[in-house]
Protein backbone atom coordinates (compact mmCIF):
# COMPACT_ATOMS: atom_id res chain seq x y z
CA MET A 1 0.30 -0.31 0.03
CA PHE A 2 2.77 2.38 0.87
CA LEU A 3 4.60 1.97 -2.12
CA ARG A 4 1.49 2.61 -4.56
CA ILE A 5 0.70 5.84 -2.63
CA ALA A 6 4.64 6.76 -2.80
CA THR A 7 4.33 5.56 -6.99
CA ILE A 8 1.30 8.10 -7.35
CA VAL A 9 2.68 11.03 -5.47
CA VAL A 10 6.25 10.63 -7.35
CA LEU A 11 4.18 10.71 -10.54
CA GLY A 12 1.88 13.84 -9.68
CA PHE A 13 5.27 15.83 -8.88
CA LEU A 14 6.89 14.71 -11.97
CA ALA A 15 3.50 15.63 -13.86
CA PHE A 16 2.85 19.05 -12.86
CA GLY A 17 6.04 19.64 -10.86
CA CYS A 18 7.32 21.91 -13.40
CA MET A 19 3.83 24.41 -13.35
CA LEU A 20 5.58 25.44 -9.57
CA PRO A 21 7.22 28.90 -10.55
CA ALA A 22 4.19 30.07 -12.32
CA PRO A 23 3.28 33.81 -11.45
CA PHE A 24 0.00 35.15 -11.31
CA LYS A 25 -2.29 35.48 -14.02
CA THR A 26 -4.55 38.32 -15.93
CA MET A 27 -7.91 36.82 -15.90
CA ASP A 28 -9.29 35.20 -12.16
CA ASP A 29 -6.29 35.34 -10.31
CA ARG A 30 -6.39 39.36 -10.31
CA ILE A 31 -9.73 39.20 -8.83
CA SER A 32 -9.34 36.33 -6.38
CA ILE A 33 -6.16 37.26 -5.22
CA VAL A 34 -3.91 39.95 -6.30
CA ASP A 35 -6.31 42.44 -6.54
CA ASN A 36 -9.09 40.57 -3.78
CA PRO A 37 -8.89 42.42 -0.61
CA VAL A 38 -11.14 40.36 1.16
CA ILE A 39 -8.39 37.68 1.68
CA LYS A 40 -6.00 40.32 2.27
CA SER A 41 -6.52 40.43 6.29
CA VAL A 42 -7.76 37.37 8.62
CA SER A 43 -9.85 40.42 10.09
CA ASN A 44 -12.28 39.52 6.93
CA ILE A 45 -13.10 36.39 7.60
CA SER A 46 -16.83 36.97 8.34
CA GLY A 47 -16.76 38.98 5.30
CA VAL A 48 -15.55 36.05 3.49
CA PHE A 49 -18.65 34.06 4.17
CA ARG A 50 -20.68 37.00 3.20
CA GLU A 51 -20.10 37.65 -0.86
CA GLY A 52 -19.76 35.64 -3.40
CA TYR A 53 -17.12 34.36 -4.75
CA PHE A 54 -16.47 37.00 -7.37
CA HIS A 55 -18.11 39.76 -5.35
CA ASP A 56 -20.94 38.95 -7.19
CA GLN A 57 -24.25 37.04 -5.89
CA PHE A 58 -23.74 34.09 -8.42
CA TYR A 59 -20.59 32.11 -6.93
CA TYR A 60 -20.11 30.67 -3.10
CA ARG A 61 -16.81 29.40 -2.32
CA PRO A 62 -16.00 30.74 0.76
CA LEU A 63 -13.37 28.16 1.50
CA VAL A 64 -11.63 28.42 -1.62
CA ASN A 65 -10.82 32.71 0.07
CA LEU A 66 -10.71 31.27 3.30
CA SER A 67 -7.40 29.41 1.83
CA PHE A 68 -6.43 32.12 -0.31
CA MET A 69 -6.28 33.77 3.03
CA GLU A 70 -4.13 31.80 5.03
CA GLU A 71 -1.34 31.34 1.76
CA TYR A 72 -1.53 35.13 1.41
CA ARG A 73 -1.21 35.81 5.66
CA PHE A 74 2.27 32.97 5.84
CA PHE A 75 3.84 33.87 1.81
CA GLY A 76 2.31 37.24 1.09
CA LEU A 77 1.91 36.94 -3.21
CA ARG A 78 4.31 34.58 -3.52
CA SER A 79 2.70 32.65 -6.13
CA PHE A 80 4.86 29.00 -5.95
CA PHE A 81 3.14 28.66 -2.33
CA TYR A 82 0.03 28.96 -3.90
CA ASN A 83 0.94 26.52 -7.04
CA PHE A 84 2.18 24.06 -4.27
CA ASP A 85 -0.76 23.87 -2.46
CA ASN A 86 -2.35 23.29 -5.89
CA LEU A 87 -0.12 20.28 -6.66
CA ILE A 88 -0.18 18.90 -3.21
CA LEU A 89 -4.54 18.48 -2.92
CA HIS A 90 -4.11 17.27 -6.55
CA ILE A 91 -2.00 14.18 -4.84
CA LEU A 92 -4.17 13.74 -2.41
CA ASN A 93 -7.08 13.87 -4.51
CA ALA A 94 -5.23 11.21 -6.16
CA ILE A 95 -4.72 9.40 -3.47
CA LEU A 96 -8.79 9.24 -2.44
CA VAL A 97 -9.54 8.32 -6.19
CA PHE A 98 -7.52 5.15 -5.25
CA PHE A 99 -8.99 4.40 -2.20
CA LEU A 100 -12.56 5.21 -3.71
CA ALA A 101 -12.12 3.61 -6.78
CA SER A 102 -10.77 0.50 -4.40
CA ARG A 103 -13.71 0.04 -2.80
CA LEU A 104 -15.99 0.50 -5.61
CA CYS A 105 -14.56 -2.30 -7.83
CA GLY A 106 -13.63 -4.78 -4.86
CA CYS A 107 -9.87 -4.36 -6.33
CA VAL A 108 -6.62 -2.55 -4.76
CA SER A 109 -5.16 -3.49 -8.14
CA LEU A 110 -7.96 -1.76 -10.09
CA GLY A 111 -8.09 1.12 -7.79
CA PHE A 112 -4.40 1.93 -7.77
CA TRP A 113 -4.53 2.21 -11.49
CA THR A 114 -7.49 4.71 -11.70
CA GLY A 115 -5.77 6.59 -9.37
CA LEU A 116 -2.26 6.59 -11.21
CA LEU A 117 -4.24 7.36 -14.46
CA PHE A 118 -5.86 10.11 -12.42
CA VAL A 119 -2.91 12.02 -11.11
CA LEU A 120 -1.42 12.03 -14.00
CA HIS A 121 -3.92 12.44 -16.75
CA PRO A 122 -3.58 15.86 -19.20
CA VAL A 123 -6.64 16.25 -19.10
CA GLN A 124 -6.39 17.47 -14.80
CA TRP A 125 -3.78 20.40 -16.17
CA GLU A 126 -6.15 23.48 -15.81
CA ALA A 127 -7.22 22.54 -12.52
CA VAL A 128 -3.96 21.93 -11.11
CA CYS A 129 -2.08 24.55 -13.09
CA ASN A 130 -3.97 27.39 -12.65
CA ILE A 131 -4.51 28.74 -9.50
CA PRO A 132 -8.35 29.50 -9.40
CA GLY A 133 -8.80 25.88 -9.68
CA ARG A 134 -8.51 25.35 -6.31
CA ALA A 135 -12.13 26.09 -5.75
CA ILE A 136 -12.23 22.21 -7.95
CA LEU A 137 -9.59 20.67 -6.05
CA LEU A 138 -11.06 21.25 -2.94
CA SER A 139 -14.50 20.36 -3.62
CA THR A 140 -13.38 17.13 -5.16
CA PHE A 141 -11.34 16.13 -2.36
CA PHE A 142 -14.66 16.51 0.25
CA VAL A 143 -16.54 15.37 -2.71
CA LEU A 144 -14.59 11.77 -2.56
CA SER A 145 -14.19 11.75 1.09
CA THR A 146 -17.59 12.32 1.62
CA PHE A 147 -18.26 9.29 -0.98
CA ILE A 148 -15.95 7.22 1.06
CA LEU A 149 -17.34 7.99 4.21
CA PHE A 150 -20.33 7.43 2.86
CA LEU A 151 -19.71 4.16 1.95
CA GLU A 152 -18.39 2.88 4.79
CA PHE A 153 -21.31 4.21 6.70
CA TYR A 154 -23.13 1.99 4.46
CA LYS A 155 -21.71 -0.75 4.91
CA SER A 156 -20.99 -0.93 8.86
CA ARG A 157 -23.95 1.40 9.97
CA ARG A 158 -21.63 3.45 12.31
CA SER A 159 -23.43 7.25 12.94
CA PRO A 160 -20.41 9.10 13.69
CA GLN A 161 -19.53 7.71 9.75
CA LEU A 162 -22.41 9.49 8.52
CA VAL A 163 -22.00 12.67 10.44
CA LEU A 164 -18.74 12.67 9.03
CA ALA A 165 -20.18 12.94 5.52
CA MET A 166 -22.53 15.34 6.16
CA ILE A 167 -19.65 17.48 7.25
CA THR A 168 -17.80 17.22 4.47
CA PHE A 169 -20.31 17.36 2.16
CA PHE A 170 -21.28 20.53 3.47
CA LEU A 171 -17.66 22.03 3.07
CA GLY A 172 -17.73 20.97 -0.38
CA LEU A 173 -20.85 22.84 -1.26
CA LEU A 174 -18.67 25.84 0.22
CA SER A 175 -16.08 25.31 -2.27
CA LYS A 176 -18.34 24.79 -5.36
CA GLU A 177 -21.59 24.52 -6.27
CA SER A 178 -21.24 21.33 -8.10
CA THR A 179 -20.50 19.38 -5.17
CA GLY A 180 -24.36 19.21 -4.74
CA VAL A 181 -24.62 16.42 -7.40
CA LEU A 182 -23.12 13.54 -5.12
CA PRO A 183 -26.65 12.61 -3.17
CA ALA A 184 -27.78 12.14 -6.99
CA VAL A 185 -24.79 10.04 -7.97
CA LEU A 186 -25.14 7.94 -4.80
CA PHE A 187 -28.22 7.52 -5.36
CA VAL A 188 -27.57 5.80 -8.76
CA TYR A 189 -25.18 4.11 -6.95
CA LEU A 190 -27.62 2.67 -4.01
CA ALA A 191 -29.87 1.87 -7.09
CA PHE A 192 -28.28 -0.97 -8.26
CA ASP A 193 -28.10 -2.30 -5.01
CA LYS A 194 -30.73 -5.22 -4.62
CA THR A 195 -29.70 -6.16 -1.43
CA LYS A 196 -31.33 -3.73 0.94
CA PRO A 197 -35.02 -2.32 1.01
CA TRP A 198 -35.36 1.28 -0.92
CA LEU A 199 -36.78 2.53 2.54
CA ARG A 200 -33.47 2.60 4.03
CA LYS A 201 -31.17 3.77 1.16
CA THR A 202 -33.79 6.86 0.61
CA GLY A 203 -33.29 7.29 4.30
CA ASP A 204 -29.58 7.32 4.50
CA LEU A 205 -29.81 10.08 1.60
CA SER A 206 -31.96 12.25 3.41
CA ALA A 207 -28.90 13.14 5.43
CA PHE A 208 -27.31 15.06 2.53
CA LEU A 209 -30.54 17.20 1.79
CA VAL A 210 -31.15 18.35 4.91
CA VAL A 211 -27.29 19.45 4.22
CA ILE A 212 -28.50 21.03 1.00
CA GLY A 213 -31.21 22.83 2.52
CA LEU A 214 -29.52 24.43 5.22
CA TYR A 215 -26.68 25.67 2.49
CA GLY A 216 -29.47 27.11 0.13
CA LEU A 217 -30.84 28.64 3.72
CA LEU A 218 -26.95 29.85 4.10
CA ARG A 219 -27.23 31.58 0.36
CA TYR A 220 -30.53 32.68 0.74
CA TYR A 221 -29.30 34.79 4.30
CA PHE A 222 -26.29 36.32 2.81
CA GLY A 223 -28.72 37.30 -0.82
CA ILE A 224 -26.32 35.21 -2.98
CA THR A 225 -28.98 33.57 -4.94
CA LYS A 226 -28.52 34.85 -8.81
CA VAL A 227 -28.12 31.97 -11.44
CA TYR A 228 -27.63 32.37 -15.31
CA HIS A 229 -30.27 30.95 -17.66
CA ALA A 230 -31.58 30.94 -20.55
CA ASP A 231 -35.89 32.44 -19.99
CA ASP A 232 -36.19 31.33 -24.11
CA PRO A 233 -36.80 27.40 -24.01
CA ASN A 234 -35.16 27.52 -27.26
CA MET A 235 -31.98 28.77 -26.94
CA LEU A 236 -31.97 26.34 -23.61
CA VAL A 237 -32.47 23.18 -26.17
CA LEU A 238 -29.42 24.44 -28.26
CA GLY A 239 -27.12 25.11 -25.37
CA PHE A 240 -27.81 21.80 -24.44
CA VAL A 241 -26.94 20.31 -27.54
CA THR A 242 -24.22 22.38 -28.14
CA PHE A 243 -22.97 21.19 -24.57
CA LEU A 244 -23.52 17.68 -26.36
CA ARG A 245 -21.67 18.50 -29.44
CA SER A 246 -18.77 19.41 -26.36
CA VAL A 247 -19.02 15.70 -24.59
CA ILE A 248 -17.85 14.03 -27.74
CA THR A 249 -14.47 16.10 -27.50
CA ASP A 250 -14.26 15.76 -23.89
CA LEU A 251 -14.52 12.09 -24.42
CA ARG A 252 -11.92 11.91 -26.98
CA LEU A 253 -9.55 13.64 -24.60
CA PHE A 254 -9.50 10.95 -22.29
CA VAL A 255 -7.45 8.73 -25.36
CA LEU A 256 -6.03 11.37 -27.34
CA PRO A 257 -5.17 14.89 -25.42
CA LEU A 258 -3.34 16.60 -28.18
CA ASP A 259 -5.21 20.00 -28.37
CA LEU A 260 -5.42 20.65 -24.53
CA HIS A 261 -5.31 24.54 -23.95
CA PHE A 262 -7.16 26.82 -21.55
CA ASP A 263 -10.42 28.22 -21.52
CA ARG A 264 -11.96 25.91 -24.07
CA CYS A 265 -15.27 26.63 -25.83
CA LEU A 266 -17.49 26.37 -28.23
CA GLU A 267 -19.49 28.56 -30.35
CA PHE A 268 -23.80 28.04 -29.72
CA PHE A 269 -25.55 26.32 -31.82
CA MET A 270 -27.53 28.84 -33.71
CA SER A 271 -29.97 26.03 -35.35
CA LEU A 272 -30.61 22.84 -35.39
CA SER A 273 -30.23 21.96 -38.66
CA TYR A 274 -26.48 23.39 -37.93
CA PRO A 275 -24.85 20.44 -39.48
CA PRO A 276 -22.36 19.79 -36.17
CA ALA A 277 -25.57 20.21 -34.12
CA ILE A 278 -27.34 17.42 -36.41
CA LEU A 279 -24.29 14.94 -36.35
CA SER A 280 -24.05 15.82 -32.67
CA LEU A 281 -27.70 14.02 -32.09
CA VAL A 282 -27.22 11.20 -34.67
CA PHE A 283 -24.02 10.75 -32.27
CA TRP A 284 -26.04 10.03 -29.16
CA ALA A 285 -28.88 9.18 -30.54
CA PHE A 286 -26.39 6.12 -31.91
CA PHE A 287 -25.33 5.73 -28.65
CA LEU A 288 -28.84 5.41 -26.65
CA VAL A 289 -29.81 2.65 -29.38
CA VAL A 290 -26.85 0.99 -28.58
CA LEU A 291 -27.29 0.83 -24.85
CA CYS A 292 -30.90 0.06 -25.24
CA VAL A 293 -29.99 -3.24 -27.48
CA PHE A 294 -27.03 -4.79 -25.11
CA ARG A 295 -28.43 -3.43 -22.12
CA ARG A 296 -28.90 -7.64 -20.51
CA SER A 297 -25.35 -7.73 -21.53
CA ILE A 298 -23.87 -4.11 -19.79
CA SER A 299 -23.43 -4.34 -15.84
CA GLY A 300 -24.73 -2.33 -13.66
CA PHE A 301 -21.91 -1.29 -12.76
CA VAL A 302 -20.64 0.15 -16.29
CA PHE A 303 -24.22 2.08 -16.14
CA PHE A 304 -23.70 3.41 -12.65
CA LEU A 305 -20.05 5.32 -13.93
CA MET A 306 -21.78 6.76 -17.29
CA SER A 307 -24.67 8.09 -15.27
CA TRP A 308 -21.72 9.52 -12.55
CA PHE A 309 -20.31 10.65 -15.57
CA ALA A 310 -22.92 12.66 -16.70
CA LEU A 311 -24.89 14.00 -13.66
CA GLU A 312 -20.91 15.27 -12.96
CA LEU A 313 -21.16 17.26 -16.21
CA LEU A 314 -24.98 18.11 -15.35
CA PRO A 315 -23.95 21.63 -13.96
CA VAL A 316 -21.86 22.60 -16.98
CA SER A 317 -24.85 21.21 -19.62
CA GLN A 318 -26.50 24.24 -19.82
CA LEU A 319 -29.33 23.08 -18.59
CA ILE A 320 -29.16 24.49 -14.81
CA THR A 321 -26.97 27.29 -15.57
CA GLY A 322 -25.37 29.20 -18.52
CA ILE A 323 -21.77 28.83 -18.45
CA GLY A 324 -20.15 30.92 -21.28
CA VAL A 325 -16.84 32.82 -22.17
CA GLY A 326 -18.88 35.57 -23.39
CA THR A 327 -22.08 35.92 -26.09
CA GLY A 328 -22.33 33.26 -28.58
CA HIS A 329 -19.74 31.34 -27.01
CA VAL A 330 -20.44 27.77 -24.64
CA SER A 331 -17.59 27.18 -22.02
CA THR A 332 -16.16 23.66 -22.46
CA ALA A 333 -13.38 24.13 -20.58
CA GLU A 334 -10.66 21.10 -19.69
CA HIS A 335 -11.16 21.70 -15.81
CA PHE A 336 -15.31 20.62 -15.87
CA LEU A 337 -13.62 17.22 -16.72
CA TYR A 338 -11.48 16.71 -13.32
CA LEU A 339 -13.79 14.97 -10.96
CA ALA A 340 -16.10 13.99 -13.64
CA SER A 341 -12.95 11.74 -15.32
CA VAL A 342 -13.09 9.42 -11.73
CA PRO A 343 -15.73 7.36 -13.69
CA VAL A 344 -14.54 7.40 -17.10
CA LEU A 345 -10.92 6.26 -15.95
CA ILE A 346 -12.17 3.55 -13.95
CA GLY A 347 -13.95 1.83 -16.81
CA MET A 348 -10.92 2.58 -18.39
CA VAL A 349 -8.96 0.51 -16.54
CA THR A 350 -11.89 -2.21 -16.04
CA ALA A 351 -11.88 -2.24 -19.79
CA ALA A 352 -7.86 -2.43 -20.05
CA ARG A 353 -8.40 -5.72 -17.43
CA TRP A 354 -10.90 -7.40 -19.49
CA GLY A 355 -8.79 -7.14 -22.27
CA PHE A 356 -6.21 -8.53 -20.58
CA GLU A 357 -8.16 -11.23 -19.48
CA ILE A 358 -9.54 -11.81 -23.06
CA ASN A 359 -6.09 -11.94 -24.30
CA THR A 360 -4.86 -14.37 -21.45
CA LYS A 361 -7.57 -16.60 -22.36
CA ARG A 362 -7.38 -16.65 -26.31
CA ALA A 363 -3.64 -16.05 -26.64
CA LEU A 364 -3.96 -13.15 -29.47
CA VAL A 365 -1.05 -11.32 -28.68
CA ASN A 366 1.92 -12.29 -26.46
CA PRO A 367 1.18 -10.35 -22.91
CA VAL A 368 4.62 -8.40 -23.04
CA ILE A 369 3.19 -6.62 -26.33
CA LEU A 370 0.25 -5.39 -24.43
CA LYS A 371 2.46 -4.30 -21.28
CA PHE A 372 4.51 -2.18 -23.46
CA LEU A 373 1.34 -0.45 -25.60
CA VAL A 374 -0.12 0.60 -21.92
CA GLY A 375 3.34 1.60 -20.80
CA GLY A 376 3.77 3.73 -23.90
CA PHE A 377 0.42 5.38 -23.45
CA LEU A 378 0.85 5.76 -19.75
CA GLY A 379 4.20 7.33 -20.91
CA PHE A 380 2.45 9.61 -23.90
CA LEU A 381 0.06 11.31 -21.02
CA LEU A 382 2.83 11.69 -18.93
CA LEU A 383 4.49 14.13 -21.46
CA ILE A 384 1.51 15.52 -22.65
CA SER A 385 0.97 16.68 -18.72
CA VAL A 386 4.40 17.70 -18.97
CA GLU A 387 4.54 19.98 -21.70
CA GLN A 388 0.90 21.35 -20.22
CA SER A 389 2.54 22.09 -17.48
CA ILE A 390 5.50 23.76 -18.87
CA TYR A 391 2.49 25.99 -21.42
CA ALA A 392 1.06 27.35 -17.44
CA VAL A 393 4.21 28.68 -16.72
CA SER A 394 4.33 31.77 -19.19
CA GLU A 395 1.15 32.91 -19.24
CA PHE A 396 1.74 34.56 -22.78
CA SER A 397 2.54 30.74 -24.11
CA MET A 398 -0.85 29.98 -22.21
CA LEU A 399 -3.23 32.35 -24.01
CA GLU A 400 -1.28 32.25 -27.42
CA ARG A 401 -1.57 28.38 -27.63
CA SER A 402 -5.12 28.97 -26.95
CA LEU A 403 -5.81 31.51 -29.67
CA ALA A 404 -4.21 28.93 -32.12
CA PHE A 405 -6.94 26.76 -31.43
CA GLU A 406 -9.46 29.77 -30.96
CA PRO A 407 -8.72 32.99 -32.26
CA ASN A 408 -12.72 34.00 -31.67
CA ASN A 409 -12.57 33.14 -27.85
CA PRO A 410 -13.16 36.90 -26.53
CA ARG A 411 -11.90 36.19 -23.16
CA ILE A 412 -8.53 34.85 -24.10
CA GLN A 413 -8.23 37.61 -26.41
CA GLY A 414 -8.97 40.14 -23.81
CA ALA A 415 -6.21 37.98 -21.70
CA MET A 416 -4.08 38.67 -23.97
CA GLY A 417 -4.68 42.60 -24.44
CA LEU A 418 -4.12 42.63 -20.30
CA TRP A 419 -0.66 40.63 -20.52
CA TYR A 420 0.52 43.39 -23.51
CA VAL A 421 -0.82 46.22 -21.31
CA SER A 422 1.35 44.71 -18.58
CA LYS A 423 4.79 44.86 -20.62
CA GLY A 424 3.88 48.31 -22.15
CA ASP A 425 3.00 46.98 -25.62
CA ILE A 426 -0.30 49.45 -26.19
CA PRO A 427 -0.63 48.87 -29.88
CA ASP A 428 -0.31 44.87 -29.55
CA ALA A 429 -2.77 45.08 -26.97
CA ALA A 430 -5.36 47.75 -28.86
CA LYS A 431 -5.02 44.47 -31.18
CA HIS A 432 -6.47 42.11 -28.71
CA PHE A 433 -8.98 44.20 -27.73
CA LYS A 434 -10.26 44.81 -30.81
CA ALA A 435 -10.82 41.17 -31.51
CA ALA A 436 -12.23 40.46 -28.19
CA ALA A 437 -14.59 43.25 -29.01
CA LEU A 438 -15.35 41.74 -31.92
CA ALA A 439 -16.00 38.03 -30.77
CA GLU A 440 -18.49 39.43 -27.97
CA PRO A 441 -19.87 42.99 -29.26
CA LEU A 442 -21.88 44.06 -26.50
CA ASN A 443 -19.31 43.46 -23.60
CA PRO A 444 -18.73 47.13 -22.60
CA ILE A 445 -15.64 46.18 -21.15
CA TYR A 446 -13.61 45.53 -24.44
CA HIS A 447 -14.80 48.67 -25.84
CA ILE A 448 -13.44 50.29 -23.09
CA SER A 449 -10.05 48.50 -23.25
CA LEU A 450 -9.70 48.86 -26.44
CA GLY A 451 -10.74 52.83 -26.44
CA THR A 452 -8.60 52.73 -23.61
CA ALA A 453 -5.47 51.79 -25.39
CA LEU A 454 -6.16 53.77 -28.48
CA CYS A 455 -6.24 57.21 -26.48
CA GLN A 456 -3.05 56.17 -25.13
CA GLN A 457 -1.67 56.13 -28.68
CA GLY A 458 -2.95 58.86 -29.21
CA LYS A 459 -6.16 58.16 -31.50
CA TRP A 460 -8.51 60.34 -29.70
CA ILE A 461 -11.38 60.32 -31.75
CA GLU A 462 -11.57 56.74 -32.06
CA GLY A 463 -10.62 56.05 -28.30
CA LEU A 464 -13.72 58.05 -27.97
CA GLY A 465 -16.02 55.98 -30.30
CA GLN A 466 -15.21 52.83 -28.13
CA LEU A 467 -15.83 54.23 -25.06
CA VAL A 468 -19.77 55.60 -25.95
CA ALA A 469 -19.94 52.54 -27.61
CA LEU A 470 -22.43 51.06 -25.47
CA ASP A 471 -23.58 51.78 -21.48
CA PRO A 472 -20.70 51.53 -19.26
CA GLY A 473 -22.70 50.48 -16.44
CA LYS A 474 -20.47 49.40 -13.64
CA TYR A 475 -17.55 51.26 -15.24
CA ALA A 476 -19.01 54.15 -15.58
CA ASP A 477 -16.81 55.84 -13.69
CA MET A 478 -13.76 54.21 -15.57
CA VAL A 479 -14.92 55.75 -18.76
CA THR A 480 -15.85 59.01 -17.12
CA ARG A 481 -12.08 59.51 -15.85
CA GLN A 482 -10.82 58.69 -19.46
CA GLU A 483 -13.66 60.59 -21.26
CA GLN A 484 -12.31 64.03 -19.50
CA LEU A 485 -8.59 62.87 -20.16
CA THR A 486 -9.82 62.63 -24.05
CA MET A 487 -11.67 65.25 -24.70
CA PRO A 488 -9.38 67.99 -24.13
CA HIS A 489 -7.07 66.77 -26.98
CA ILE A 490 -10.16 66.33 -29.36
CA LEU A 491 -10.96 70.40 -28.50
CA GLU A 492 -7.72 71.09 -29.43
CA GLN A 493 -7.54 69.03 -32.68
CA ILE A 494 -11.05 70.97 -33.64
CA ARG A 495 -9.58 74.29 -32.43
CA GLN A 496 -6.71 73.58 -34.88
CA GLY A 497 -8.78 72.88 -37.75
CA LYS A 498 -8.57 68.99 -37.71
CA LYS A 499 -11.65 67.67 -40.14
CA PHE A 500 -13.65 64.94 -38.79
CA ASP A 501 -15.15 62.11 -41.03
CA ALA A 502 -19.09 61.89 -40.33
CA LYS A 503 -18.38 58.93 -38.09
CA GLY A 504 -15.99 61.24 -35.76
CA TRP A 505 -18.70 63.65 -35.92
CA MET A 506 -21.10 61.44 -34.92
CA ILE A 507 -18.79 60.27 -31.97
CA LEU A 508 -18.90 63.42 -30.23
CA GLY A 509 -22.66 63.75 -30.55
CA ILE A 510 -23.08 60.52 -29.07
CA TYR A 511 -20.75 61.78 -26.16
CA TYR A 512 -22.26 65.38 -26.27
CA ALA A 513 -25.90 63.75 -25.81
CA ARG A 514 -24.66 61.30 -22.74
CA ILE A 515 -23.32 63.99 -20.78
CA GLY A 516 -26.51 66.30 -21.42
CA HIS A 517 -25.15 69.17 -23.42
CA VAL A 518 -27.84 68.91 -25.88
CA GLU A 519 -26.70 71.61 -28.38
CA GLU A 520 -23.17 70.29 -28.75
CA ALA A 521 -24.56 66.95 -30.06
CA ILE A 522 -26.99 68.71 -32.39
CA SER A 523 -24.62 70.15 -34.08
CA ALA A 524 -22.59 67.27 -34.03
CA PHE A 525 -25.00 65.17 -35.61
CA VAL A 526 -25.75 67.99 -37.98
CA LYS A 527 -22.12 67.55 -39.39
CA SER A 528 -21.97 63.94 -39.76
CA ALA A 529 -25.47 64.39 -41.40
CA ASP A 530 -24.03 66.82 -43.75
CA LEU A 531 -21.07 65.20 -44.38
CA ASN A 532 -23.23 61.30 -44.88
CA PRO A 533 -26.85 61.93 -44.89
CA LEU A 534 -27.74 57.71 -44.96
CA GLN A 535 -26.92 57.24 -41.40
CA TRP A 536 -29.90 56.29 -39.42
CA ASP A 537 -28.22 56.85 -36.26
CA VAL A 538 -27.50 60.26 -36.82
CA TRP A 539 -30.82 61.02 -37.96
CA MET A 540 -32.59 58.99 -35.04
CA ASN A 541 -30.32 60.81 -32.11
CA LEU A 542 -31.08 64.45 -33.88
CA ALA A 543 -34.92 63.38 -34.19
CA SER A 544 -34.83 62.03 -30.34
CA LEU A 545 -32.82 65.07 -29.08
CA TYR A 546 -35.00 67.17 -30.81
CA GLU A 547 -38.44 65.74 -29.35
CA ALA A 548 -36.94 65.64 -26.26
CA ARG A 549 -37.04 69.76 -26.51
CA GLN A 550 -40.44 69.70 -27.96
CA ASN A 551 -39.30 71.02 -31.33
CA TRP A 552 -41.83 69.24 -33.14
CA PRO A 553 -40.83 70.72 -36.90
CA ALA A 554 -37.32 69.64 -36.19
CA ALA A 555 -37.99 66.38 -35.03
CA ARG A 556 -41.08 65.88 -37.72
CA ALA A 557 -38.24 67.25 -40.45
CA ALA A 558 -35.22 64.94 -39.00
CA TYR A 559 -38.17 61.69 -38.58
CA GLN A 560 -38.99 62.76 -42.75
CA LYS A 561 -35.69 62.72 -43.52
CA LEU A 562 -35.31 59.05 -41.90
CA LEU A 563 -38.23 57.73 -44.53
CA GLU A 564 -37.06 59.29 -47.87
CA GLY A 565 -34.19 56.84 -47.23
CA SER A 566 -34.69 53.13 -48.68
CA HIS A 567 -32.01 51.64 -46.62
CA LEU A 568 -34.38 51.41 -43.49
CA ALA A 569 -35.67 48.17 -42.52
CA ASP A 570 -39.24 47.19 -41.82
CA TYR A 571 -38.66 47.59 -38.31
CA GLN A 572 -36.79 50.89 -38.58
CA LYS A 573 -40.28 52.44 -40.59
CA GLU A 574 -42.51 51.21 -37.77
CA ILE A 575 -40.34 53.36 -35.28
CA VAL A 576 -40.12 56.31 -37.30
CA LEU A 577 -43.80 55.93 -38.13
CA SER A 578 -44.51 55.80 -34.88
CA HIS A 579 -42.75 58.62 -33.64
CA LEU A 580 -44.29 60.85 -36.59
CA ALA A 581 -47.65 59.27 -34.97
CA VAL A 582 -47.25 60.95 -31.07
CA ILE A 583 -45.41 64.14 -33.15
CA LYS A 584 -48.97 64.60 -35.18
CA ALA A 585 -51.50 63.75 -31.88
CA ARG A 586 -49.93 66.71 -30.00
């Protein structure tokens, strides 16, 4: 037993030890640790339990913040120790996988190989090599502990083990919300036990439902109750089909993990007639047909493993909550597979043993060759894990690799822009902010970042155009400060006789209208319209300003000017006619 555990520990360090020097990165690391005031004083412990993980009302993971708080207390912002704790947690989880798989399979050897695969498989890299993966690592530790404790209780009927299982389950919920699927996993597991009555089995699980109820009340008390979800049933179905497509890739990654990269995403299927959507549905329909046909020859344990995998992915299936990296992109991040990998790896090890047994009976292949192939596969996985952990040391390399696979990922483009800002390379930062804004045009932060970068290059009117592109929302103060720095330069250009094009004057008009300078806004829009009369936005803004000032003749003339154009869409004509009807009624 000691030798097996030692092997798991050594392979864990070999696989992911290269990532220990990795610095904090520009994405979640900043929010969670570097710029997180909550973790920087132990006097904030009560505050940790009173607010969301990202200072919002969606995610509640106080134990993760507590772990960061302790690390900051002893090590400050030395990232090595945060990475080291992630690796230690991963190795502890692998040991727990060893124990759990041994119990589930009734075989220590199978449990060991499962734990071995878990600790070195490269699909784990994102959770292990990125410090905010702490939430996944902690929740997995408590989920596996709860599962083992419950199995011990179910066998021995000792109440202290059930109490401990309830405690670890609650701690798991305080680490990550997806812990909540564990009772469903246990329910499926007990469903295949024909030796115990249903009343007893459901009674055993009721303790976990009580814990979930207490957890829900705690979140309700602190007001952390929001959930991202799709209001349109059609979008819900399309999101789920998109997720089903991602699962096909997930399954392939367990065998051939050659394209691993940070923040994996998939473009949202906008129609069920889209060929990839059709192929995904055909694939899963075929899979279900095969299950039905061969259901009698498939063991209950295999059905349990498939159910466990499905349940672990349920929280990110787009059915419960929308998980995305921006408008039009569904998140399919590899860290979703961390805990979900356990049933898959158990299945892989079980299938390998079955293959060896068949080969022993029929003498199809020399056993040495099979062992060589298994060893080669494990070596291949180990090398990929080392490669991924090396990528994680350099944020630029990690982001560059992601963009090589997914150039339209707005979060990665935005993160790369921030990386270039940190290096003082503003022109390259602007390129990536522009790509992020094109990929997700309704996200104000990308437009604000691009606008700021353009202004820093002296492209004042272009920068202002990005700053006024959208309602800044919670970033209003940031936009106001940048606008106050930008406008003196634009006004100086006007005094020096600089000629703006129609778009430039429209940008100035929008800016003036937003700050309530109506006369200046009207003047700017008129100049823009003179340069290019075929602008819906300009004439609509002009008409709205005249209407707000109750200058009915001017408003009517502006709306009539809109109707003279043949470029209007039907909905635009309806808007104009409705305004004209209101003016006529006055």
